[in-house]
Amino acid sequence: MKKLALVAMIALATPALAEDVTMDSILGTTLQEVQTSLTEMGYEVRKGEMEDGKIEVYFVRDGQMGEVYVNPLTGAVMKLDLKS
């Protein structure tokens, strides 16, 4: 019984598989929404700002850095740059 309880606790403590940001992702129409979406997807947001009318956010996950540009009218990803 103790093993079953331990397995249940581990399963509940383990986060769901992280979702990947793609060119098809809809992240939000404000800087805060985009940052929250990326955080919920398992990314660590490093910096975010409005630049040239677009939402620009820098992020990292599993040692991979990237940046995403989002259209503030639609919330859609306009450009995605992943660095190795």
PDB file of N, CA and C in Angstrom:
ATOM      1  N   MET A   1       0.819  -1.195   0.000  1.00  0.00           N
ATOM      2  CA  MET A   1       0.000   0.000   0.000  1.00  0.00           C
ATOM      3  C   MET A   1       0.866   1.264   0.000  1.00  0.00           C
ATOM      4  N   LYS A   2       1.989   1.202   0.722  1.00  0.00           N
ATOM      5  CA  LYS A   2       2.881   2.361   0.758  1.00  0.00           C
ATOM      6  C   LYS A   2       3.458   2.648  -0.623  1.00  0.00           C
ATOM      7  N   LYS A   3       3.767   1.571  -1.382  1.00  0.00           N
ATOM      8  CA  LYS A   3       4.305   1.764  -2.729  1.00  0.00           C
ATOM      9  C   LYS A   3       3.291   2.448  -3.635  1.00  0.00           C
ATOM     10  N   LEU A   4       2.038   2.057  -3.513  1.00  0.00           N
ATOM     11  CA  LEU A   4       0.985   2.662  -4.323  1.00  0.00           C
ATOM     12  C   LEU A   4       0.833   4.145  -3.997  1.00  0.00           C
ATOM     13  N   ALA A   5       0.880   4.481  -2.723  1.00  0.00           N
ATOM     14  CA  ALA A   5       0.779   5.883  -2.311  1.00  0.00           C
ATOM     15  C   ALA A   5       1.963   6.683  -2.832  1.00  0.00           C
ATOM     16  N   LEU A   6       3.153   6.086  -2.788  1.00  0.00           N
ATOM     17  CA  LEU A   6       4.352   6.760  -3.277  1.00  0.00           C
ATOM     18  C   LEU A   6       4.267   7.002  -4.785  1.00  0.00           C
ATOM     19  N   VAL A   7       3.819   6.005  -5.535  1.00  0.00           N
ATOM     20  CA  VAL A   7       3.663   6.147  -6.987  1.00  0.00           C
ATOM     21  C   VAL A   7       2.645   7.237  -7.300  1.00  0.00           C
ATOM     22  N   ALA A   8       1.560   7.281  -6.569  1.00  0.00           N
ATOM     23  CA  ALA A   8       0.533   8.312  -6.783  1.00  0.00           C
ATOM     24  C   ALA A   8       1.094   9.698  -6.492  1.00  0.00           C
ATOM     25  N   MET A   9       1.871   9.838  -5.434  1.00  0.00           N
ATOM     26  CA  MET A   9       2.456  11.146  -5.100  1.00  0.00           C
ATOM     27  C   MET A   9       3.427  11.600  -6.186  1.00  0.00           C
ATOM     28  N   ILE A  10       4.235  10.685  -6.694  1.00  0.00           N
ATOM     29  CA  ILE A  10       5.194  11.035  -7.752  1.00  0.00           C
ATOM     30  C   ILE A  10       4.453  11.445  -9.021  1.00  0.00           C
ATOM     31  N   ALA A  11       3.403  10.721  -9.367  1.00  0.00           N
ATOM     32  CA  ALA A  11       2.632  11.041 -10.566  1.00  0.00           C
ATOM     33  C   ALA A  11       2.005  12.423 -10.467  1.00  0.00           C
ATOM     34  N   LEU A  12       1.520  12.778  -9.295  1.00  0.00           N
ATOM     35  CA  LEU A  12       0.905  14.089  -9.118  1.00  0.00           C
ATOM     36  C   LEU A  12       1.937  15.203  -9.103  1.00  0.00           C
ATOM     37  N   ALA A  13       3.135  14.915  -8.648  1.00  0.00           N
ATOM     38  CA  ALA A  13       4.181  15.938  -8.554  1.00  0.00           C
ATOM     39  C   ALA A  13       4.898  16.153  -9.879  1.00  0.00           C
ATOM     40  N   THR A  14       4.811  15.205 -10.796  1.00  0.00           N
ATOM     41  CA  THR A  14       5.494  15.320 -12.082  1.00  0.00           C
ATOM     42  C   THR A  14       4.686  16.207 -13.016  1.00  0.00           C
ATOM     43  N   PRO A  15       5.311  17.274 -13.554  1.00  0.00           N
ATOM     44  CA  PRO A  15       4.567  18.145 -14.468  1.00  0.00           C
ATOM     45  C   PRO A  15       4.214  17.415 -15.754  1.00  0.00           C
ATOM     46  N   ALA A  16       3.173  17.866 -16.388  1.00  0.00           N
ATOM     47  CA  ALA A  16       2.768  17.295 -17.675  1.00  0.00           C
ATOM     48  C   ALA A  16       3.858  17.546 -18.699  1.00  0.00           C
ATOM     49  N   LEU A  17       3.854  16.756 -19.759  1.00  0.00           N
ATOM     50  CA  LEU A  17       4.837  16.963 -20.804  1.00  0.00           C
ATOM     51  C   LEU A  17       4.729  18.381 -21.334  1.00  0.00           C
ATOM     52  N   ALA A  18       5.859  19.017 -21.512  1.00  0.00           N
ATOM     53  CA  ALA A  18       5.877  20.396 -21.964  1.00  0.00           C
ATOM     54  C   ALA A  18       5.461  20.470 -23.437  1.00  0.00           C
ATOM     55  N   GLU A  19       4.733  21.485 -23.745  1.00  0.00           N
ATOM     56  CA  GLU A  19       4.300  21.738 -25.119  1.00  0.00           C
ATOM     57  C   GLU A  19       5.354  22.607 -25.802  1.00  0.00           C
ATOM     58  N   ASP A  20       5.567  22.407 -27.082  1.00  0.00           N
ATOM     59  CA  ASP A  20       6.533  23.204 -27.828  1.00  0.00           C
ATOM     60  C   ASP A  20       5.847  24.384 -28.497  1.00  0.00           C
ATOM     61  N   VAL A  21       6.511  25.532 -28.485  1.00  0.00           N
ATOM     62  CA  VAL A  21       6.016  26.678 -29.232  1.00  0.00           C
ATOM     63  C   VAL A  21       6.373  26.445 -30.697  1.00  0.00           C
ATOM     64  N   THR A  22       5.419  26.718 -31.591  1.00  0.00           N
ATOM     65  CA  THR A  22       5.618  26.535 -33.026  1.00  0.00           C
ATOM     66  C   THR A  22       5.072  27.753 -33.768  1.00  0.00           C
ATOM     67  N   MET A  23       5.240  27.757 -35.062  1.00  0.00           N
ATOM     68  CA  MET A  23       4.696  28.842 -35.882  1.00  0.00           C
ATOM     69  C   MET A  23       3.166  28.826 -35.879  1.00  0.00           C
ATOM     70  N   ASP A  24       2.552  27.725 -35.476  1.00  0.00           N
ATOM     71  CA  ASP A  24       1.098  27.623 -35.399  1.00  0.00           C
ATOM     72  C   ASP A  24       0.534  28.019 -34.035  1.00  0.00           C
ATOM     73  N   SER A  25       1.416  28.334 -33.082  1.00  0.00           N
ATOM     74  CA  SER A  25       0.975  28.647 -31.723  1.00  0.00           C
ATOM     75  C   SER A  25       0.262  29.996 -31.666  1.00  0.00           C
ATOM     76  N   ILE A  26      -0.766  30.057 -30.840  1.00  0.00           N
ATOM     77  CA  ILE A  26      -1.437  31.311 -30.499  1.00  0.00           C
ATOM     78  C   ILE A  26      -1.107  31.555 -29.032  1.00  0.00           C
ATOM     79  N   LEU A  27      -0.360  32.625 -28.755  1.00  0.00           N
ATOM     80  CA  LEU A  27       0.178  32.845 -27.417  1.00  0.00           C
ATOM     81  C   LEU A  27      -0.511  33.949 -26.630  1.00  0.00           C
ATOM     82  N   GLY A  28      -1.220  34.842 -27.290  1.00  0.00           N
ATOM     83  CA  GLY A  28      -1.893  35.927 -26.588  1.00  0.00           C
ATOM     84  C   GLY A  28      -1.676  37.252 -27.286  1.00  0.00           C
ATOM     85  N   THR A  29      -2.465  38.234 -26.889  1.00  0.00           N
ATOM     86  CA  THR A  29      -2.418  39.539 -27.555  1.00  0.00           C
ATOM     87  C   THR A  29      -1.756  40.625 -26.708  1.00  0.00           C
ATOM     88  N   THR A  30      -1.296  40.262 -25.524  1.00  0.00           N
ATOM     89  CA  THR A  30      -0.552  41.218 -24.686  1.00  0.00           C
ATOM     90  C   THR A  30       0.762  40.581 -24.274  1.00  0.00           C
ATOM     91  N   LEU A  31       1.705  41.403 -23.875  1.00  0.00           N
ATOM     92  CA  LEU A  31       3.002  40.900 -23.421  1.00  0.00           C
ATOM     93  C   LEU A  31       2.805  39.929 -22.253  1.00  0.00           C
ATOM     94  N   GLN A  32       1.942  40.281 -21.309  1.00  0.00           N
ATOM     95  CA  GLN A  32       1.692  39.424 -20.150  1.00  0.00           C
ATOM     96  C   GLN A  32       1.108  38.069 -20.567  1.00  0.00           C
ATOM     97  N   GLU A  33       0.158  38.068 -21.497  1.00  0.00           N
ATOM     98  CA  GLU A  33      -0.445  36.810 -21.964  1.00  0.00           C
ATOM     99  C   GLU A  33       0.586  35.922 -22.647  1.00  0.00           C
ATOM    100  N   VAL A  34       1.453  36.503 -23.457  1.00  0.00           N
ATOM    101  CA  VAL A  34       2.478  35.730 -24.158  1.00  0.00           C
ATOM    102  C   VAL A  34       3.448  35.129 -23.145  1.00  0.00           C
ATOM    103  N   GLN A  35       3.882  35.922 -22.184  1.00  0.00           N
ATOM    104  CA  GLN A  35       4.798  35.422 -21.164  1.00  0.00           C
ATOM    105  C   GLN A  35       4.148  34.303 -20.352  1.00  0.00           C
ATOM    106  N   THR A  36       2.890  34.468 -19.996  1.00  0.00           N
ATOM    107  CA  THR A  36       2.174  33.444 -19.237  1.00  0.00           C
ATOM    108  C   THR A  36       2.024  32.168 -20.058  1.00  0.00           C
ATOM    109  N   SER A  37       1.672  32.296 -21.327  1.00  0.00           N
ATOM    110  CA  SER A  37       1.532  31.125 -22.197  1.00  0.00           C
ATOM    111  C   SER A  37       2.840  30.342 -22.281  1.00  0.00           C
ATOM    112  N   LEU A  38       3.937  31.047 -22.484  1.00  0.00           N
ATOM    113  CA  LEU A  38       5.238  30.381 -22.594  1.00  0.00           C
ATOM    114  C   LEU A  38       5.615  29.705 -21.277  1.00  0.00           C
ATOM    115  N   THR A  39       5.349  30.366 -20.163  1.00  0.00           N
ATOM    116  CA  THR A  39       5.640  29.787 -18.852  1.00  0.00           C
ATOM    117  C   THR A  39       4.820  28.517 -18.636  1.00  0.00           C
ATOM    118  N   GLU A  40       3.548  28.558 -19.010  1.00  0.00           N
ATOM    119  CA  GLU A  40       2.690  27.376 -18.867  1.00  0.00           C
ATOM    120  C   GLU A  40       3.126  26.238 -19.781  1.00  0.00           C
ATOM    121  N   MET A  41       3.826  26.571 -20.871  1.00  0.00           N
ATOM    122  CA  MET A  41       4.326  25.560 -21.796  1.00  0.00           C
ATOM    123  C   MET A  41       5.660  24.978 -21.321  1.00  0.00           C
ATOM    124  N   GLY A  42       6.177  25.485 -20.202  1.00  0.00           N
ATOM    125  CA  GLY A  42       7.414  24.956 -19.640  1.00  0.00           C
ATOM    126  C   GLY A  42       8.657  25.759 -19.957  1.00  0.00           C
ATOM    127  N   TYR A  43       8.488  26.935 -20.557  1.00  0.00           N
ATOM    128  CA  TYR A  43       9.634  27.778 -20.880  1.00  0.00           C
ATOM    129  C   TYR A  43       9.912  28.740 -19.734  1.00  0.00           C
ATOM    130  N   GLU A  44      11.175  29.104 -19.575  1.00  0.00           N
ATOM    131  CA  GLU A  44      11.567  30.156 -18.641  1.00  0.00           C
ATOM    132  C   GLU A  44      11.697  31.440 -19.455  1.00  0.00           C
ATOM    133  N   VAL A  45      10.867  32.418 -19.156  1.00  0.00           N
ATOM    134  CA  VAL A  45      10.893  33.685 -19.892  1.00  0.00           C
ATOM    135  C   VAL A  45      12.015  34.540 -19.328  1.00  0.00           C
ATOM    136  N   ARG A  46      12.892  34.978 -20.207  1.00  0.00           N
ATOM    137  CA  ARG A  46      14.035  35.793 -19.788  1.00  0.00           C
ATOM    138  C   ARG A  46      13.785  37.288 -19.955  1.00  0.00           C
ATOM    139  N   LYS A  47      13.122  37.662 -21.054  1.00  0.00           N
ATOM    140  CA  LYS A  47      12.912  39.088 -21.345  1.00  0.00           C
ATOM    141  C   LYS A  47      11.746  39.207 -22.303  1.00  0.00           C
ATOM    142  N   GLY A  48      10.964  40.256 -22.146  1.00  0.00           N
ATOM    143  CA  GLY A  48       9.875  40.516 -23.068  1.00  0.00           C
ATOM    144  C   GLY A  48       9.684  41.999 -23.253  1.00  0.00           C
ATOM    145  N   GLU A  49       9.321  42.394 -24.469  1.00  0.00           N
ATOM    146  CA  GLU A  49       9.107  43.814 -24.751  1.00  0.00           C
ATOM    147  C   GLU A  49       8.293  43.965 -26.031  1.00  0.00           C
ATOM    148  N   MET A  50       7.768  45.151 -26.227  1.00  0.00           N
ATOM    149  CA  MET A  50       7.124  45.509 -27.490  1.00  0.00           C
ATOM    150  C   MET A  50       8.205  46.113 -28.376  1.00  0.00           C
ATOM    151  N   GLU A  51       8.313  45.619 -29.607  1.00  0.00           N
ATOM    152  CA  GLU A  51       9.307  46.154 -30.530  1.00  0.00           C
ATOM    153  C   GLU A  51       8.713  46.212 -31.928  1.00  0.00           C
ATOM    154  N   ASP A  52       8.732  47.394 -32.524  1.00  0.00           N
ATOM    155  CA  ASP A  52       8.223  47.596 -33.885  1.00  0.00           C
ATOM    156  C   ASP A  52       6.791  47.078 -34.034  1.00  0.00           C
ATOM    157  N   GLY A  53       5.969  47.285 -33.018  1.00  0.00           N
ATOM    158  CA  GLY A  53       4.569  46.881 -33.075  1.00  0.00           C
ATOM    159  C   GLY A  53       4.322  45.405 -32.839  1.00  0.00           C
ATOM    160  N   LYS A  54       5.372  44.660 -32.476  1.00  0.00           N
ATOM    161  CA  LYS A  54       5.237  43.231 -32.207  1.00  0.00           C
ATOM    162  C   LYS A  54       5.638  42.943 -30.758  1.00  0.00           C
ATOM    163  N   ILE A  55       5.101  41.856 -30.218  1.00  0.00           N
ATOM    164  CA  ILE A  55       5.514  41.392 -28.898  1.00  0.00           C
ATOM    165  C   ILE A  55       6.719  40.488 -29.107  1.00  0.00           C
ATOM    166  N   GLU A  56       7.831  40.805 -28.446  1.00  0.00           N
ATOM    167  CA  GLU A  56       9.063  40.028 -28.578  1.00  0.00           C
ATOM    168  C   GLU A  56       9.416  39.441 -27.215  1.00  0.00           C
ATOM    169  N   VAL A  57       9.605  38.125 -27.160  1.00  0.00           N
ATOM    170  CA  VAL A  57       9.915  37.462 -25.895  1.00  0.00           C
ATOM    171  C   VAL A  57      11.075  36.498 -26.108  1.00  0.00           C
ATOM    172  N   TYR A  58      12.050  36.575 -25.203  1.00  0.00           N
ATOM    173  CA  TYR A  58      13.189  35.659 -25.179  1.00  0.00           C
ATOM    174  C   TYR A  58      12.929  34.619 -24.104  1.00  0.00           C
ATOM    175  N   PHE A  59      13.254  33.358 -24.416  1.00  0.00           N
ATOM    176  CA  PHE A  59      12.952  32.274 -23.486  1.00  0.00           C
ATOM    177  C   PHE A  59      14.021  31.197 -23.541  1.00  0.00           C
ATOM    178  N   VAL A  60      13.968  30.277 -22.563  1.00  0.00           N
ATOM    179  CA  VAL A  60      14.891  29.146 -22.502  1.00  0.00           C
ATOM    180  C   VAL A  60      14.147  27.942 -21.943  1.00  0.00           C
ATOM    181  N   ARG A  61      14.489  26.757 -22.453  1.00  0.00           N
ATOM    182  CA  ARG A  61      13.968  25.510 -21.890  1.00  0.00           C
ATOM    183  C   ARG A  61      14.934  24.391 -22.258  1.00  0.00           C
ATOM    184  N   ASP A  62      15.279  23.601 -21.288  1.00  0.00           N
ATOM    185  CA  ASP A  62      16.184  22.466 -21.491  1.00  0.00           C
ATOM    186  C   ASP A  62      17.478  22.887 -22.179  1.00  0.00           C
ATOM    187  N   GLY A  63      17.992  24.048 -21.804  1.00  0.00           N
ATOM    188  CA  GLY A  63      19.247  24.537 -22.363  1.00  0.00           C
ATOM    189  C   GLY A  63      19.138  25.152 -23.743  1.00  0.00           C
ATOM    190  N   GLN A  64      17.944  25.145 -24.329  1.00  0.00           N
ATOM    191  CA  GLN A  64      17.751  25.733 -25.659  1.00  0.00           C
ATOM    192  C   GLN A  64      17.138  27.120 -25.515  1.00  0.00           C
ATOM    193  N   MET A  65      17.826  28.107 -26.079  1.00  0.00           N
ATOM    194  CA  MET A  65      17.335  29.477 -26.038  1.00  0.00           C
ATOM    195  C   MET A  65      16.554  29.770 -27.302  1.00  0.00           C
ATOM    196  N   GLY A  66      15.662  30.749 -27.205  1.00  0.00           N
ATOM    197  CA  GLY A  66      14.905  31.142 -28.378  1.00  0.00           C
ATOM    198  C   GLY A  66      14.260  32.495 -28.192  1.00  0.00           C
ATOM    199  N   GLU A  67      13.703  32.985 -29.280  1.00  0.00           N
ATOM    200  CA  GLU A  67      12.925  34.221 -29.217  1.00  0.00           C
ATOM    201  C   GLU A  67      11.733  34.062 -30.143  1.00  0.00           C
ATOM    202  N   VAL A  68      10.660  34.711 -29.760  1.00  0.00           N
ATOM    203  CA  VAL A  68       9.430  34.627 -30.521  1.00  0.00           C
ATOM    204  C   VAL A  68       8.875  36.037 -30.703  1.00  0.00           C
ATOM    205  N   TYR A  69       8.342  36.292 -31.888  1.00  0.00           N
ATOM    206  CA  TYR A  69       7.660  37.548 -32.185  1.00  0.00           C
ATOM    207  C   TYR A  69       6.187  37.210 -32.405  1.00  0.00           C
ATOM    208  N   VAL A  70       5.313  37.947 -31.736  1.00  0.00           N
ATOM    209  CA  VAL A  70       3.881  37.652 -31.756  1.00  0.00           C
ATOM    210  C   VAL A  70       3.111  38.874 -32.238  1.00  0.00           C
ATOM    211  N   ASN A  71       2.127  38.643 -33.095  1.00  0.00           N
ATOM    212  CA  ASN A  71       1.236  39.694 -33.571  1.00  0.00           C
ATOM    213  C   ASN A  71       0.277  40.051 -32.436  1.00  0.00           C
ATOM    214  N   PRO A  72       0.289  41.302 -31.957  1.00  0.00           N
ATOM    215  CA  PRO A  72      -0.576  41.671 -30.838  1.00  0.00           C
ATOM    216  C   PRO A  72      -2.063  41.755 -31.200  1.00  0.00           C
ATOM    217  N   LEU A  73      -2.386  41.741 -32.477  1.00  0.00           N
ATOM    218  CA  LEU A  73      -3.795  41.769 -32.888  1.00  0.00           C
ATOM    219  C   LEU A  73      -4.417  40.372 -32.892  1.00  0.00           C
ATOM    220  N   THR A  74      -3.610  39.369 -33.256  1.00  0.00           N
ATOM    221  CA  THR A  74      -4.135  38.005 -33.387  1.00  0.00           C
ATOM    222  C   THR A  74      -3.605  37.037 -32.331  1.00  0.00           C
ATOM    223  N   GLY A  75      -2.468  37.349 -31.732  1.00  0.00           N
ATOM    224  CA  GLY A  75      -1.835  36.452 -30.778  1.00  0.00           C
ATOM    225  C   GLY A  75      -1.015  35.363 -31.448  1.00  0.00           C
ATOM    226  N   ALA A  76      -0.939  35.389 -32.776  1.00  0.00           N
ATOM    227  CA  ALA A  76      -0.237  34.356 -33.534  1.00  0.00           C
ATOM    228  C   ALA A  76       1.266  34.627 -33.592  1.00  0.00           C
ATOM    229  N   VAL A  77       2.040  33.553 -33.609  1.00  0.00           N
ATOM    230  CA  VAL A  77       3.488  33.660 -33.761  1.00  0.00           C
ATOM    231  C   VAL A  77       3.797  34.117 -35.176  1.00  0.00           C
ATOM    232  N   MET A  78       4.600  35.172 -35.292  1.00  0.00           N
ATOM    233  CA  MET A  78       4.988  35.709 -36.596  1.00  0.00           C
ATOM    234  C   MET A  78       6.390  35.225 -36.991  1.00  0.00           C
ATOM    235  N   LYS A  79       7.247  35.068 -35.978  1.00  0.00           N
ATOM    236  CA  LYS A  79       8.621  34.632 -36.217  1.00  0.00           C
ATOM    237  C   LYS A  79       9.060  33.859 -34.987  1.00  0.00           C
ATOM    238  N   LEU A  80       9.779  32.775 -35.225  1.00  0.00           N
ATOM    239  CA  LEU A  80      10.283  31.944 -34.142  1.00  0.00           C
ATOM    240  C   LEU A  80      11.726  31.600 -34.451  1.00  0.00           C
ATOM    241  N   ASP A  81      12.618  31.926 -33.530  1.00  0.00           N
ATOM    242  CA  ASP A  81      14.049  31.670 -33.729  1.00  0.00           C
ATOM    243  C   ASP A  81      14.543  30.849 -32.548  1.00  0.00           C
ATOM    244  N   LEU A  82      14.870  29.574 -32.811  1.00  0.00           N
ATOM    245  CA  LEU A  82      15.406  28.674 -31.781  1.00  0.00           C
ATOM    246  C   LEU A  82      16.900  28.534 -31.985  1.00  0.00           C
ATOM    247  N   LYS A  83      17.661  28.707 -30.910  1.00  0.00           N
ATOM    248  CA  LYS A  83      19.116  28.599 -30.978  1.00  0.00           C
ATOM    249  C   LYS A  83      19.539  27.284 -30.309  1.00  0.00           C
ATOM    250  N   SER A  84      20.542  26.663 -30.855  1.00  0.00           N
ATOM    251  CA  SER A  84      21.019  25.380 -30.312  1.00  0.00           C
ATOM    252  C   SER A  84      21.917  25.576 -29.132  1.00  0.00           C
TER     253      SER A  84
END
